[in-house]
N, C-alpha and C. Protein backbone atom coordinates (compact mmCIF):
# COMPACT_ATOMS: atom_id res chain seq x y z
N UNK A 1 109.63 4.13 69.13
CA UNK A 1 108.19 3.89 69.20
C UNK A 1 107.77 3.17 67.94
N UNK A 2 107.24 1.97 68.11
CA UNK A 2 106.77 1.19 66.96
C UNK A 2 105.25 1.29 66.90
N UNK A 3 104.77 1.25 65.70
CA UNK A 3 103.32 1.34 65.50
C UNK A 3 102.82 0.09 64.83
N UNK A 4 101.73 -0.41 65.29
CA UNK A 4 101.10 -1.58 64.69
C UNK A 4 100.55 -1.19 63.32
N UNK A 5 100.47 -2.21 62.46
CA UNK A 5 99.94 -1.95 61.12
C UNK A 5 98.50 -1.42 61.18
N UNK A 6 97.73 -1.87 62.15
CA UNK A 6 96.35 -1.38 62.29
C UNK A 6 96.35 0.11 62.56
N UNK A 7 97.30 0.57 63.38
CA UNK A 7 97.38 2.02 63.66
C UNK A 7 97.75 2.78 62.38
N UNK A 8 98.69 2.23 61.62
CA UNK A 8 99.07 2.90 60.37
C UNK A 8 97.89 2.95 59.40
N UNK A 9 97.11 1.88 59.37
CA UNK A 9 95.91 1.88 58.53
C UNK A 9 94.93 2.95 58.97
N UNK A 10 94.78 3.12 60.30
CA UNK A 10 93.88 4.14 60.82
C UNK A 10 94.37 5.54 60.44
N UNK A 11 95.68 5.76 60.54
CA UNK A 11 96.24 7.06 60.16
C UNK A 11 95.97 7.35 58.68
N UNK A 12 96.19 6.33 57.86
CA UNK A 12 95.98 6.49 56.42
C UNK A 12 94.50 6.77 56.12
N UNK A 13 93.62 6.05 56.78
CA UNK A 13 92.19 6.23 56.56
C UNK A 13 91.77 7.67 56.92
N UNK A 14 92.23 8.16 58.03
CA UNK A 14 91.89 9.52 58.45
C UNK A 14 92.50 10.53 57.48
N UNK A 15 93.75 10.32 57.09
CA UNK A 15 94.42 11.25 56.16
C UNK A 15 93.66 11.33 54.83
N UNK A 16 93.27 10.18 54.30
CA UNK A 16 92.54 10.18 53.02
C UNK A 16 91.17 10.84 53.15
N UNK A 17 90.50 10.58 54.26
CA UNK A 17 89.20 11.20 54.51
C UNK A 17 89.32 12.72 54.63
N UNK A 18 90.33 13.16 55.37
CA UNK A 18 90.55 14.61 55.52
C UNK A 18 90.92 15.26 54.21
N UNK A 19 91.79 14.60 53.44
CA UNK A 19 92.20 15.15 52.15
C UNK A 19 91.00 15.26 51.22
N UNK A 20 90.17 14.26 51.19
CA UNK A 20 88.99 14.29 50.34
C UNK A 20 88.03 15.41 50.74
N UNK A 21 87.77 15.53 52.03
CA UNK A 21 86.88 16.61 52.52
C UNK A 21 87.47 17.98 52.22
N UNK A 22 88.78 18.11 52.41
CA UNK A 22 89.46 19.39 52.15
C UNK A 22 89.35 19.75 50.68
N UNK A 23 89.57 18.80 49.78
CA UNK A 23 89.53 19.09 48.36
C UNK A 23 88.12 19.49 47.91
N UNK A 24 87.11 18.88 48.52
CA UNK A 24 85.73 19.30 48.22
C UNK A 24 85.53 20.74 48.64
N UNK A 25 86.00 21.06 49.82
CA UNK A 25 85.85 22.43 50.34
C UNK A 25 86.60 23.43 49.47
N UNK A 26 87.83 23.06 49.10
CA UNK A 26 88.65 23.95 48.27
C UNK A 26 88.00 24.17 46.91
N UNK A 27 87.45 23.10 46.32
CA UNK A 27 86.84 23.18 45.01
C UNK A 27 85.52 23.88 44.97
N UNK A 28 84.74 23.81 46.03
CA UNK A 28 83.39 24.39 46.03
C UNK A 28 83.35 25.84 46.41
N UNK A 29 84.39 26.36 46.96
CA UNK A 29 84.35 27.70 47.54
C UNK A 29 85.11 28.69 46.70
N UNK A 30 84.41 29.64 46.11
CA UNK A 30 85.06 30.73 45.43
C UNK A 30 85.39 31.81 46.47
N UNK A 31 86.63 32.25 46.49
CA UNK A 31 87.06 33.19 47.51
C UNK A 31 86.87 34.60 47.02
N UNK A 32 86.08 35.38 47.74
CA UNK A 32 85.84 36.78 47.39
C UNK A 32 87.08 37.60 47.73
N UNK A 33 87.20 38.76 47.10
CA UNK A 33 88.35 39.62 47.31
C UNK A 33 88.55 39.99 48.77
N UNK A 34 87.44 40.22 49.48
CA UNK A 34 87.58 40.64 50.89
C UNK A 34 87.83 39.44 51.82
N UNK A 35 87.94 38.24 51.27
CA UNK A 35 88.20 37.05 52.08
C UNK A 35 89.63 36.53 51.91
N UNK A 36 90.50 37.38 51.44
CA UNK A 36 91.89 37.00 51.26
C UNK A 36 92.80 38.12 51.72
N UNK A 37 93.96 37.75 52.15
CA UNK A 37 94.96 38.73 52.55
C UNK A 37 96.34 38.10 52.35
N UNK A 38 97.35 38.90 52.59
CA UNK A 38 98.71 38.35 52.49
C UNK A 38 99.32 38.33 53.87
N UNK A 39 100.32 37.48 54.00
CA UNK A 39 101.08 37.43 55.24
C UNK A 39 102.20 38.47 55.10
N UNK A 40 103.38 38.17 55.58
CA UNK A 40 104.48 39.13 55.51
C UNK A 40 104.96 39.39 54.10
N UNK A 41 104.85 38.40 53.24
CA UNK A 41 105.31 38.50 51.85
C UNK A 41 104.07 38.78 50.99
N UNK A 42 104.10 39.78 50.10
CA UNK A 42 102.92 40.11 49.29
C UNK A 42 102.47 38.98 48.37
N UNK A 43 103.30 37.97 48.13
CA UNK A 43 102.86 36.86 47.29
C UNK A 43 102.46 35.64 48.12
N UNK A 44 102.42 35.80 49.43
CA UNK A 44 102.09 34.70 50.34
C UNK A 44 100.64 34.88 50.80
N UNK A 45 99.72 34.35 50.01
CA UNK A 45 98.30 34.54 50.27
C UNK A 45 97.76 33.62 51.35
N UNK A 46 96.76 34.11 52.05
CA UNK A 46 95.96 33.30 52.96
C UNK A 46 94.52 33.69 52.74
N UNK A 47 93.65 32.70 52.68
CA UNK A 47 92.23 32.97 52.45
C UNK A 47 91.41 32.38 53.59
N UNK A 48 90.12 32.72 53.60
CA UNK A 48 89.24 32.14 54.63
C UNK A 48 89.18 30.62 54.45
N UNK A 49 89.34 30.13 53.23
CA UNK A 49 89.31 28.70 52.99
C UNK A 49 90.54 28.03 53.59
N UNK A 50 91.72 28.64 53.47
CA UNK A 50 92.92 28.11 54.13
C UNK A 50 92.66 27.91 55.62
N UNK A 51 92.11 28.94 56.23
CA UNK A 51 91.85 28.91 57.68
C UNK A 51 90.79 27.87 58.02
N UNK A 52 89.72 27.83 57.25
CA UNK A 52 88.63 26.86 57.50
C UNK A 52 89.14 25.43 57.37
N UNK A 53 89.88 25.15 56.30
CA UNK A 53 90.35 23.79 56.08
C UNK A 53 91.32 23.37 57.17
N UNK A 54 92.25 24.24 57.54
CA UNK A 54 93.20 23.87 58.60
C UNK A 54 92.47 23.65 59.92
N UNK A 55 91.48 24.47 60.19
CA UNK A 55 90.72 24.29 61.46
C UNK A 55 89.99 22.95 61.47
N UNK A 56 89.38 22.59 60.36
CA UNK A 56 88.68 21.29 60.27
C UNK A 56 89.68 20.14 60.45
N UNK A 57 90.82 20.22 59.79
CA UNK A 57 91.83 19.16 59.91
C UNK A 57 92.29 19.03 61.36
N UNK A 58 92.55 20.16 61.99
CA UNK A 58 93.01 20.13 63.39
C UNK A 58 91.96 19.52 64.32
N UNK A 59 90.71 19.91 64.13
CA UNK A 59 89.63 19.39 64.97
C UNK A 59 89.50 17.87 64.81
N UNK A 60 89.52 17.40 63.57
CA UNK A 60 89.37 15.98 63.32
C UNK A 60 90.56 15.17 63.88
N UNK A 61 91.75 15.68 63.69
CA UNK A 61 92.93 14.98 64.20
C UNK A 61 92.93 14.96 65.73
N UNK A 62 92.53 16.05 66.34
CA UNK A 62 92.48 16.09 67.81
C UNK A 62 91.44 15.11 68.34
N UNK A 63 90.31 15.00 67.63
CA UNK A 63 89.26 14.08 68.04
C UNK A 63 89.72 12.62 67.93
N UNK A 64 90.42 12.29 66.85
CA UNK A 64 90.85 10.90 66.61
C UNK A 64 92.15 10.55 67.32
N UNK A 65 93.10 11.48 67.33
CA UNK A 65 94.44 11.22 67.84
C UNK A 65 94.87 12.37 68.74
N UNK A 66 94.30 12.47 69.90
CA UNK A 66 94.52 13.58 70.80
C UNK A 66 95.95 13.81 71.23
N UNK A 67 96.77 12.76 71.19
CA UNK A 67 98.17 12.88 71.62
C UNK A 67 99.10 13.27 70.49
N UNK A 68 98.60 13.40 69.26
CA UNK A 68 99.43 13.81 68.15
C UNK A 68 99.52 15.32 68.10
N UNK A 69 100.62 15.81 67.58
CA UNK A 69 100.83 17.25 67.40
C UNK A 69 100.51 17.60 65.96
N UNK A 70 99.94 18.78 65.74
CA UNK A 70 99.68 19.28 64.40
C UNK A 70 100.49 20.55 64.20
N UNK A 71 101.22 20.60 63.10
CA UNK A 71 101.95 21.82 62.74
C UNK A 71 101.35 22.26 61.40
N UNK A 72 100.69 23.40 61.43
CA UNK A 72 100.03 23.89 60.21
C UNK A 72 100.57 25.22 59.77
N UNK A 73 100.36 25.51 58.51
CA UNK A 73 100.84 26.75 57.92
C UNK A 73 100.17 27.97 58.55
N UNK A 74 98.89 27.85 58.85
CA UNK A 74 98.16 29.03 59.32
C UNK A 74 98.19 29.22 60.83
N UNK A 75 98.25 28.13 61.61
CA UNK A 75 98.17 28.26 63.07
C UNK A 75 99.41 27.76 63.82
N UNK A 76 100.42 27.27 63.11
CA UNK A 76 101.63 26.81 63.78
C UNK A 76 101.43 25.47 64.47
N UNK A 77 102.18 25.28 65.57
CA UNK A 77 102.16 23.99 66.28
C UNK A 77 101.07 23.97 67.35
N UNK A 78 100.45 22.79 67.49
CA UNK A 78 99.40 22.62 68.48
C UNK A 78 99.95 22.18 69.84
N UNK A 79 101.21 21.88 69.91
CA UNK A 79 101.80 21.45 71.15
C UNK A 79 103.29 21.22 71.01
N UNK A 80 103.91 20.75 72.08
CA UNK A 80 105.33 20.47 72.08
C UNK A 80 105.58 19.12 71.40
N UNK A 81 106.70 19.02 70.72
CA UNK A 81 107.04 17.76 70.08
C UNK A 81 108.26 17.15 70.78
N UNK A 82 108.19 15.86 70.99
CA UNK A 82 109.32 15.09 71.52
C UNK A 82 109.86 14.25 70.37
N UNK A 83 111.00 13.63 70.59
CA UNK A 83 111.64 12.85 69.51
C UNK A 83 110.72 11.75 68.98
N UNK A 84 109.87 11.19 69.85
CA UNK A 84 109.00 10.12 69.40
C UNK A 84 107.56 10.58 69.14
N UNK A 85 107.35 11.89 69.10
CA UNK A 85 106.00 12.40 68.85
C UNK A 85 105.55 12.07 67.43
N UNK A 86 104.29 11.81 67.31
CA UNK A 86 103.68 11.72 65.97
C UNK A 86 103.19 13.12 65.64
N UNK A 87 103.64 13.60 64.51
CA UNK A 87 103.37 14.98 64.13
C UNK A 87 102.72 15.00 62.75
N UNK A 88 101.59 15.69 62.66
CA UNK A 88 100.93 15.90 61.38
C UNK A 88 101.36 17.28 60.87
N UNK A 89 101.71 17.36 59.60
CA UNK A 89 102.06 18.61 58.97
C UNK A 89 100.98 18.92 57.95
N UNK A 90 100.47 20.15 57.99
CA UNK A 90 99.38 20.48 57.09
C UNK A 90 99.58 21.86 56.44
N UNK A 91 99.45 21.87 55.13
CA UNK A 91 99.34 23.10 54.36
C UNK A 91 97.94 23.00 53.77
N UNK A 92 96.97 23.77 54.32
CA UNK A 92 95.58 23.57 53.96
C UNK A 92 95.28 23.77 52.47
N UNK A 93 95.91 24.73 51.84
CA UNK A 93 95.81 24.86 50.39
C UNK A 93 97.23 25.07 49.87
N UNK A 94 97.79 24.00 49.37
CA UNK A 94 99.11 24.08 48.77
C UNK A 94 98.88 24.51 47.31
N UNK A 95 99.10 25.79 47.08
CA UNK A 95 98.81 26.36 45.77
C UNK A 95 97.71 27.41 45.87
N UNK A 96 97.71 28.16 46.96
CA UNK A 96 96.66 29.17 47.16
C UNK A 96 96.62 30.17 46.02
N UNK A 97 97.76 30.59 45.54
CA UNK A 97 97.79 31.56 44.41
C UNK A 97 97.09 30.98 43.19
N UNK A 98 97.34 29.73 42.91
CA UNK A 98 96.66 29.07 41.76
C UNK A 98 95.15 29.06 42.00
N UNK A 99 94.74 28.69 43.21
CA UNK A 99 93.31 28.64 43.52
C UNK A 99 92.67 30.01 43.35
N UNK A 100 93.34 31.05 43.80
CA UNK A 100 92.82 32.41 43.66
C UNK A 100 92.66 32.83 42.20
N UNK A 101 93.52 32.29 41.36
CA UNK A 101 93.48 32.62 39.93
C UNK A 101 92.55 31.70 39.16
N UNK A 102 91.89 30.79 39.84
CA UNK A 102 90.98 29.86 39.19
C UNK A 102 91.66 28.71 38.49
N UNK A 103 92.96 28.52 38.76
CA UNK A 103 93.70 27.41 38.15
C UNK A 103 93.51 26.14 38.98
N UNK A 104 93.32 25.02 38.34
CA UNK A 104 93.04 23.77 39.06
C UNK A 104 94.30 23.08 39.58
N UNK A 105 95.25 23.86 40.06
CA UNK A 105 96.50 23.30 40.55
C UNK A 105 96.71 23.66 42.02
N UNK A 106 95.82 23.14 42.83
CA UNK A 106 95.91 23.35 44.28
C UNK A 106 95.47 22.08 44.97
N UNK A 107 96.02 21.82 46.12
CA UNK A 107 95.69 20.62 46.87
C UNK A 107 95.99 20.86 48.34
N UNK A 108 95.56 19.95 49.16
CA UNK A 108 95.96 19.98 50.56
C UNK A 108 97.24 19.14 50.67
N UNK A 109 98.18 19.60 51.46
CA UNK A 109 99.36 18.81 51.78
C UNK A 109 99.21 18.38 53.23
N UNK A 110 99.19 17.07 53.46
CA UNK A 110 98.99 16.51 54.77
C UNK A 110 99.93 15.34 54.92
N UNK A 111 100.77 15.38 55.95
CA UNK A 111 101.74 14.31 56.15
C UNK A 111 101.86 14.00 57.63
N UNK A 112 102.13 12.74 57.92
CA UNK A 112 102.38 12.30 59.29
C UNK A 112 103.82 11.86 59.36
N UNK A 113 104.54 12.36 60.36
CA UNK A 113 105.94 11.98 60.47
C UNK A 113 106.36 11.92 61.93
N UNK A 114 107.54 11.38 62.12
CA UNK A 114 108.15 11.38 63.45
C UNK A 114 109.65 11.16 63.26
N UNK A 115 110.41 11.54 64.25
CA UNK A 115 111.86 11.39 64.27
C UNK A 115 112.52 11.92 63.01
N UNK A 116 113.78 12.12 63.10
CA UNK A 116 114.63 12.54 62.00
C UNK A 116 114.14 13.81 61.30
N UNK A 117 113.35 14.59 61.98
CA UNK A 117 112.85 15.83 61.38
C UNK A 117 113.62 17.03 61.90
N UNK A 118 114.57 16.80 62.79
CA UNK A 118 115.30 17.92 63.38
C UNK A 118 115.97 18.79 62.32
N UNK A 119 116.60 18.17 61.33
CA UNK A 119 117.26 18.95 60.30
C UNK A 119 116.27 19.81 59.53
N UNK A 120 115.12 19.20 59.18
CA UNK A 120 114.11 19.98 58.45
C UNK A 120 113.62 21.16 59.29
N UNK A 121 113.32 20.87 60.53
CA UNK A 121 112.81 21.92 61.41
C UNK A 121 113.85 23.00 61.62
N UNK A 122 115.12 22.60 61.70
CA UNK A 122 116.19 23.58 61.90
C UNK A 122 116.32 24.53 60.72
N UNK A 123 116.01 24.04 59.52
CA UNK A 123 116.14 24.89 58.33
C UNK A 123 114.88 25.71 58.07
N UNK A 124 113.78 25.37 58.71
CA UNK A 124 112.51 26.06 58.46
C UNK A 124 112.45 27.37 59.22
N UNK A 125 112.02 28.40 58.58
CA UNK A 125 111.94 29.72 59.19
C UNK A 125 110.47 30.16 59.16
N UNK A 126 109.74 29.95 60.25
CA UNK A 126 108.28 30.18 60.23
C UNK A 126 107.86 31.63 59.98
N UNK A 127 108.70 32.60 60.30
CA UNK A 127 108.31 33.99 60.07
C UNK A 127 108.35 34.35 58.58
N UNK A 128 109.16 33.64 57.83
CA UNK A 128 109.24 33.89 56.40
C UNK A 128 109.53 32.57 55.72
N UNK A 129 108.48 31.95 55.17
CA UNK A 129 108.67 30.60 54.65
C UNK A 129 109.57 30.54 53.43
N UNK A 130 109.93 31.69 52.85
CA UNK A 130 110.84 31.71 51.70
C UNK A 130 112.30 31.73 52.15
N UNK A 131 112.52 31.95 53.45
CA UNK A 131 113.88 32.01 53.97
C UNK A 131 114.16 30.67 54.68
N UNK A 132 115.29 30.08 54.33
CA UNK A 132 115.66 28.81 54.93
C UNK A 132 117.07 28.92 55.49
N UNK A 133 117.31 28.19 56.57
CA UNK A 133 118.66 28.07 57.10
C UNK A 133 119.17 26.71 56.64
N UNK A 134 120.35 26.68 56.06
CA UNK A 134 120.86 25.42 55.55
C UNK A 134 121.34 24.51 56.68
N UNK A 135 121.18 23.22 56.46
CA UNK A 135 121.71 22.19 57.35
C UNK A 135 122.46 21.21 56.45
N UNK A 136 123.05 20.22 57.05
CA UNK A 136 123.78 19.25 56.25
C UNK A 136 122.86 18.56 55.23
N UNK A 137 121.65 18.23 55.64
CA UNK A 137 120.73 17.49 54.75
C UNK A 137 119.87 18.40 53.91
N UNK A 138 119.58 19.60 54.36
CA UNK A 138 118.70 20.51 53.65
C UNK A 138 119.48 21.78 53.31
N UNK A 139 119.77 21.93 52.04
CA UNK A 139 120.51 23.13 51.63
C UNK A 139 120.03 23.58 50.25
N UNK A 140 120.40 24.79 49.92
CA UNK A 140 119.96 25.40 48.67
C UNK A 140 120.75 24.79 47.52
N UNK A 141 120.03 24.46 46.47
CA UNK A 141 120.66 23.96 45.25
C UNK A 141 120.49 25.01 44.15
N UNK A 142 121.51 25.19 43.36
CA UNK A 142 121.38 26.02 42.16
C UNK A 142 120.62 25.21 41.13
N UNK A 143 119.99 25.89 40.19
CA UNK A 143 119.21 25.21 39.16
C UNK A 143 120.05 24.16 38.42
N UNK A 144 121.28 24.52 38.06
CA UNK A 144 122.15 23.57 37.36
C UNK A 144 122.43 22.33 38.18
N UNK A 145 122.57 22.50 39.50
CA UNK A 145 122.79 21.34 40.39
C UNK A 145 121.60 20.40 40.36
N UNK A 146 120.39 20.97 40.36
CA UNK A 146 119.18 20.14 40.31
C UNK A 146 119.07 19.38 39.00
N UNK A 147 119.37 20.06 37.90
CA UNK A 147 119.32 19.42 36.59
C UNK A 147 120.32 18.28 36.52
N UNK A 148 121.53 18.53 36.99
CA UNK A 148 122.58 17.49 37.00
C UNK A 148 122.16 16.31 37.86
N UNK A 149 121.62 16.59 39.03
CA UNK A 149 121.19 15.51 39.93
C UNK A 149 120.06 14.70 39.28
N UNK A 150 119.10 15.40 38.69
CA UNK A 150 117.96 14.70 38.07
C UNK A 150 118.39 13.85 36.88
N UNK A 151 119.32 14.35 36.07
CA UNK A 151 119.81 13.60 34.92
C UNK A 151 120.52 12.34 35.39
N UNK A 152 121.26 12.45 36.50
CA UNK A 152 121.99 11.30 37.03
C UNK A 152 121.05 10.25 37.55
N UNK A 153 119.84 10.62 37.93
CA UNK A 153 118.87 9.68 38.49
C UNK A 153 117.94 9.09 37.45
N UNK A 154 118.10 9.45 36.19
CA UNK A 154 117.22 8.89 35.16
C UNK A 154 117.56 7.47 34.83
């Protein structure tokens, strides 16, 4: 499936608009103690803002690109994906713990992708995002391996 440059420009325009609106929402909203909870892991926070932002992103993407699939951290997949599906991936507040602590290190993660994601999806474990299954392309690195790799790339 090939996409015209105009379509790519439209995707970028929507992504930037959504990211901007999400960051305003994230920055303006102080989350009260009763508006947050944890998922299965006690350090895996979810707040009303996470839910609100993901809902807004999903609504806007559905309105503009009804045939695209959205996979979000809070609500999962909006539909079935085929090899040529255009899929939006959203983490409404990437850095929720930082946001809860008042640290300015949080953002929305929003990406559009297609194809070649089978390995990533195979390693992703939605019930526990800290648990991964290794694949040929996605595997666990020891800290020393990462340092060695990064030094080699300097």
